[in-house]
Structure formats: C-alpha cells, structure tokens
C-alpha cells in the first residue's frame, strides 16, 4: 500500500488517513456542527475507531 496516496480533482484533495490523525478525525466527527449531518449521530469514543 502506498502511504502517500493523494487523490485530487475539482480543487479537492484527499489524503490517506494515517494513525496519527485518527484522534483529530474523531474530534471533528463528534463536533455537533458536523455530527448533525451524519447518518450515525452517536458520540464516537476512542475505542470505536
């Protein structure tokens, strides 16, 4: 697997999630402003991801 995978098109850049960014992603996902748009809206704990 390529650890530097980047997909880019239409001005959007997606980078592969790395283990050191999981907590940042979890905090973003649990933000009420983001959480309201999720299909699964429950709070995600560190053990969930």
PDB file of N, CA and C in Angstrom:
ATOM      1  N   UNK A   1       0.844  -1.182   0.000  1.00  0.00           N
ATOM      2  CA  UNK A   1       0.000   0.000   0.000  1.00  0.00           C
ATOM      3  C   UNK A   1       0.888   1.244   0.000  1.00  0.00           C
ATOM      4  N   UNK A   2       0.511   2.225  -0.781  1.00  0.00           N
ATOM      5  CA  UNK A   2       1.253   3.475  -0.877  1.00  0.00           C
ATOM      6  C   UNK A   2       0.848   4.395   0.268  1.00  0.00           C
ATOM      7  N   UNK A   3       1.777   4.721   1.166  1.00  0.00           N
ATOM      8  CA  UNK A   3       1.482   5.577   2.322  1.00  0.00           C
ATOM      9  C   UNK A   3       1.289   7.035   1.937  1.00  0.00           C
ATOM     10  N   UNK A   4       1.592   7.390   0.705  1.00  0.00           N
ATOM     11  CA  UNK A   4       1.476   8.772   0.267  1.00  0.00           C
ATOM     12  C   UNK A   4       0.343   8.963  -0.722  1.00  0.00           C
ATOM     13  N   UNK A   5      -0.689   8.142  -0.625  1.00  0.00           N
ATOM     14  CA  UNK A   5      -1.803   8.203  -1.553  1.00  0.00           C
ATOM     15  C   UNK A   5      -2.535   9.536  -1.437  1.00  0.00           C
ATOM     16  N   UNK A   6      -2.666  10.243  -2.554  1.00  0.00           N
ATOM     17  CA  UNK A   6      -3.390  11.512  -2.602  1.00  0.00           C
ATOM     18  C   UNK A   6      -4.268  11.489  -3.849  1.00  0.00           C
ATOM     19  N   UNK A   7      -5.547  11.750  -3.662  1.00  0.00           N
ATOM     20  CA  UNK A   7      -6.480  11.883  -4.772  1.00  0.00           C
ATOM     21  C   UNK A   7      -6.855  13.354  -4.866  1.00  0.00           C
ATOM     22  N   UNK A   8      -6.757  13.902  -6.068  1.00  0.00           N
ATOM     23  CA  UNK A   8      -7.032  15.323  -6.221  1.00  0.00           C
ATOM     24  C   UNK A   8      -7.789  15.557  -7.529  1.00  0.00           C
ATOM     25  N   UNK A   9      -8.889  16.306  -7.408  1.00  0.00           N
ATOM     26  CA  UNK A   9      -9.693  16.657  -8.571  1.00  0.00           C
ATOM     27  C   UNK A   9     -10.682  17.742  -8.160  1.00  0.00           C
ATOM     28  N   UNK A  10     -11.033  18.612  -9.088  1.00  0.00           N
ATOM     29  CA  UNK A  10     -12.021  19.673  -8.863  1.00  0.00           C
ATOM     30  C   UNK A  10     -11.685  20.548  -7.648  1.00  0.00           C
ATOM     31  N   UNK A  11     -10.409  20.743  -7.386  1.00  0.00           N
ATOM     32  CA  UNK A  11      -9.998  21.588  -6.276  1.00  0.00           C
ATOM     33  C   UNK A  11     -10.103  20.935  -4.910  1.00  0.00           C
ATOM     34  N   UNK A  12     -10.340  19.625  -4.869  1.00  0.00           N
ATOM     35  CA  UNK A  12     -10.442  18.885  -3.607  1.00  0.00           C
ATOM     36  C   UNK A  12      -9.281  17.904  -3.537  1.00  0.00           C
ATOM     37  N   UNK A  13      -8.618  17.854  -2.404  1.00  0.00           N
ATOM     38  CA  UNK A  13      -7.501  16.927  -2.212  1.00  0.00           C
ATOM     39  C   UNK A  13      -7.824  15.990  -1.051  1.00  0.00           C
ATOM     40  N   UNK A  14      -7.778  14.697  -1.312  1.00  0.00           N
ATOM     41  CA  UNK A  14      -7.999  13.679  -0.287  1.00  0.00           C
ATOM     42  C   UNK A  14      -6.688  12.949  -0.039  1.00  0.00           C
ATOM     43  N   UNK A  15      -6.295  12.881   1.221  1.00  0.00           N
ATOM     44  CA  UNK A  15      -5.084  12.171   1.595  1.00  0.00           C
ATOM     45  C   UNK A  15      -5.469  10.963   2.432  1.00  0.00           C
ATOM     46  N   UNK A  16      -4.673   9.935   2.339  1.00  0.00           N
ATOM     47  CA  UNK A  16      -4.917   8.720   3.101  1.00  0.00           C
ATOM     48  C   UNK A  16      -4.836   9.029   4.597  1.00  0.00           C
ATOM     49  N   UNK A  17      -5.796   8.518   5.360  1.00  0.00           N
ATOM     50  CA  UNK A  17      -5.803   8.713   6.804  1.00  0.00           C
ATOM     51  C   UNK A  17      -4.666   7.919   7.433  1.00  0.00           C
ATOM     52  N   UNK A  18      -3.903   8.579   8.272  1.00  0.00           N
ATOM     53  CA  UNK A  18      -2.817   7.902   8.975  1.00  0.00           C
ATOM     54  C   UNK A  18      -3.180   7.782  10.452  1.00  0.00           C
ATOM     55  N   UNK A  19      -2.553   6.831  11.110  1.00  0.00           N
ATOM     56  CA  UNK A  19      -2.880   6.532  12.511  1.00  0.00           C
ATOM     57  C   UNK A  19      -2.719   7.759  13.406  1.00  0.00           C
ATOM     58  N   UNK A  20      -1.758   8.608  13.127  1.00  0.00           N
ATOM     59  CA  UNK A  20      -1.534   9.776  13.970  1.00  0.00           C
ATOM     60  C   UNK A  20      -2.613  10.856  13.815  1.00  0.00           C
ATOM     61  N   UNK A  21      -3.508  10.714  12.846  1.00  0.00           N
ATOM     62  CA  UNK A  21      -4.582  11.692  12.616  1.00  0.00           C
ATOM     63  C   UNK A  21      -5.958  11.187  13.071  1.00  0.00           C
ATOM     64  N   UNK A  22      -6.028   9.963  13.590  1.00  0.00           N
ATOM     65  CA  UNK A  22      -7.323   9.378  13.959  1.00  0.00           C
ATOM     66  C   UNK A  22      -8.024  10.196  15.041  1.00  0.00           C
ATOM     67  N   UNK A  23      -7.290  10.634  16.055  1.00  0.00           N
ATOM     68  CA  UNK A  23      -7.911  11.414  17.131  1.00  0.00           C
ATOM     69  C   UNK A  23      -8.447  12.739  16.604  1.00  0.00           C
ATOM     70  N   UNK A  24      -7.732  13.385  15.716  1.00  0.00           N
ATOM     71  CA  UNK A  24      -8.196  14.628  15.096  1.00  0.00           C
ATOM     72  C   UNK A  24      -9.492  14.387  14.317  1.00  0.00           C
ATOM     73  N   UNK A  25      -9.551  13.309  13.578  1.00  0.00           N
ATOM     74  CA  UNK A  25     -10.753  12.949  12.826  1.00  0.00           C
ATOM     75  C   UNK A  25     -11.931  12.680  13.774  1.00  0.00           C
ATOM     76  N   UNK A  26     -11.681  11.968  14.856  1.00  0.00           N
ATOM     77  CA  UNK A  26     -12.742  11.657  15.822  1.00  0.00           C
ATOM     78  C   UNK A  26     -13.293  12.939  16.450  1.00  0.00           C
ATOM     79  N   UNK A  27     -12.415  13.863  16.805  1.00  0.00           N
ATOM     80  CA  UNK A  27     -12.861  15.126  17.395  1.00  0.00           C
ATOM     81  C   UNK A  27     -13.690  15.925  16.395  1.00  0.00           C
ATOM     82  N   UNK A  28     -13.261  15.958  15.139  1.00  0.00           N
ATOM     83  CA  UNK A  28     -14.016  16.648  14.092  1.00  0.00           C
ATOM     84  C   UNK A  28     -15.385  16.012  13.927  1.00  0.00           C
ATOM     85  N   UNK A  29     -15.418  14.686  13.859  1.00  0.00           N
ATOM     86  CA  UNK A  29     -16.666  13.942  13.649  1.00  0.00           C
ATOM     87  C   UNK A  29     -17.650  14.147  14.803  1.00  0.00           C
ATOM     88  N   UNK A  30     -17.146  14.293  16.025  1.00  0.00           N
ATOM     89  CA  UNK A  30     -18.006  14.461  17.194  1.00  0.00           C
ATOM     90  C   UNK A  30     -18.448  15.905  17.413  1.00  0.00           C
ATOM     91  N   UNK A  31     -17.936  16.826  16.643  1.00  0.00           N
ATOM     92  CA  UNK A  31     -18.362  18.221  16.751  1.00  0.00           C
ATOM     93  C   UNK A  31     -19.845  18.293  16.373  1.00  0.00           C
ATOM     94  N   UNK A  32     -20.689  18.899  17.208  1.00  0.00           N
ATOM     95  CA  UNK A  32     -22.128  18.960  16.917  1.00  0.00           C
ATOM     96  C   UNK A  32     -22.462  19.561  15.554  1.00  0.00           C
ATOM     97  N   UNK A  33     -21.635  20.503  15.074  1.00  0.00           N
ATOM     98  CA  UNK A  33     -21.894  21.099  13.762  1.00  0.00           C
ATOM     99  C   UNK A  33     -21.690  20.095  12.629  1.00  0.00           C
ATOM    100  N   UNK A  34     -20.861  19.096  12.835  1.00  0.00           N
ATOM    101  CA  UNK A  34     -20.621  18.049  11.845  1.00  0.00           C
ATOM    102  C   UNK A  34     -21.537  16.860  12.106  1.00  0.00           C
ATOM    103  N   UNK A  35     -21.648  16.492  13.370  1.00  0.00           N
ATOM    104  CA  UNK A  35     -22.417  15.314  13.789  1.00  0.00           C
ATOM    105  C   UNK A  35     -23.864  15.356  13.292  1.00  0.00           C
ATOM    106  N   UNK A  36     -24.445  16.528  13.216  1.00  0.00           N
ATOM    107  CA  UNK A  36     -25.849  16.648  12.812  1.00  0.00           C
ATOM    108  C   UNK A  36     -26.104  16.156  11.392  1.00  0.00           C
ATOM    109  N   UNK A  37     -25.072  16.112  10.560  1.00  0.00           N
ATOM    110  CA  UNK A  37     -25.235  15.685   9.175  1.00  0.00           C
ATOM    111  C   UNK A  37     -24.898  14.213   8.942  1.00  0.00           C
ATOM    112  N   UNK A  38     -24.499  13.515  10.001  1.00  0.00           N
ATOM    113  CA  UNK A  38     -24.108  12.116   9.882  1.00  0.00           C
ATOM    114  C   UNK A  38     -25.313  11.196  10.012  1.00  0.00           C
ATOM    115  N   UNK A  39     -25.267  10.079   9.300  1.00  0.00           N
ATOM    116  CA  UNK A  39     -26.313   9.070   9.421  1.00  0.00           C
ATOM    117  C   UNK A  39     -26.292   8.487  10.831  1.00  0.00           C
ATOM    118  N   UNK A  40     -25.115   8.142  11.322  1.00  0.00           N
ATOM    119  CA  UNK A  40     -24.932   7.644  12.690  1.00  0.00           C
ATOM    120  C   UNK A  40     -24.485   8.833  13.525  1.00  0.00           C
ATOM    121  N   UNK A  41     -25.360   9.326  14.394  1.00  0.00           N
ATOM    122  CA  UNK A  41     -25.097  10.577  15.110  1.00  0.00           C
ATOM    123  C   UNK A  41     -24.623  10.401  16.542  1.00  0.00           C
ATOM    124  N   UNK A  42     -24.427   9.165  16.964  1.00  0.00           N
ATOM    125  CA  UNK A  42     -23.961   8.943  18.333  1.00  0.00           C
ATOM    126  C   UNK A  42     -22.510   9.411  18.495  1.00  0.00           C
ATOM    127  N   UNK A  43     -22.153   9.754  19.727  1.00  0.00           N
ATOM    128  CA  UNK A  43     -20.786  10.161  20.043  1.00  0.00           C
ATOM    129  C   UNK A  43     -19.853   8.973  19.820  1.00  0.00           C
ATOM    130  N   UNK A  44     -18.735   9.200  19.173  1.00  0.00           N
ATOM    131  CA  UNK A  44     -17.770   8.148  18.902  1.00  0.00           C
ATOM    132  C   UNK A  44     -16.643   8.258  19.908  1.00  0.00           C
ATOM    133  N   UNK A  45     -16.390   7.189  20.633  1.00  0.00           N
ATOM    134  CA  UNK A  45     -15.338   7.160  21.643  1.00  0.00           C
ATOM    135  C   UNK A  45     -14.030   6.696  21.001  1.00  0.00           C
ATOM    136  N   UNK A  46     -12.894   6.917  21.686  1.00  0.00           N
ATOM    137  CA  UNK A  46     -11.617   6.487  21.115  1.00  0.00           C
ATOM    138  C   UNK A  46     -11.568   4.998  20.790  1.00  0.00           C
ATOM    139  N   UNK A  47     -12.262   4.169  21.514  1.00  0.00           N
ATOM    140  CA  UNK A  47     -12.262   2.736  21.247  1.00  0.00           C
ATOM    141  C   UNK A  47     -13.114   2.329  20.056  1.00  0.00           C
ATOM    142  N   UNK A  48     -13.951   3.231  19.548  1.00  0.00           N
ATOM    143  CA  UNK A  48     -14.856   2.924  18.439  1.00  0.00           C
ATOM    144  C   UNK A  48     -14.122   2.855  17.116  1.00  0.00           C
ATOM    145  N   UNK A  49     -13.160   3.756  16.897  1.00  0.00           N
ATOM    146  CA  UNK A  49     -12.456   3.805  15.612  1.00  0.00           C
ATOM    147  C   UNK A  49     -11.365   2.768  15.536  1.00  0.00           C
TER     148      UNK A  49
END
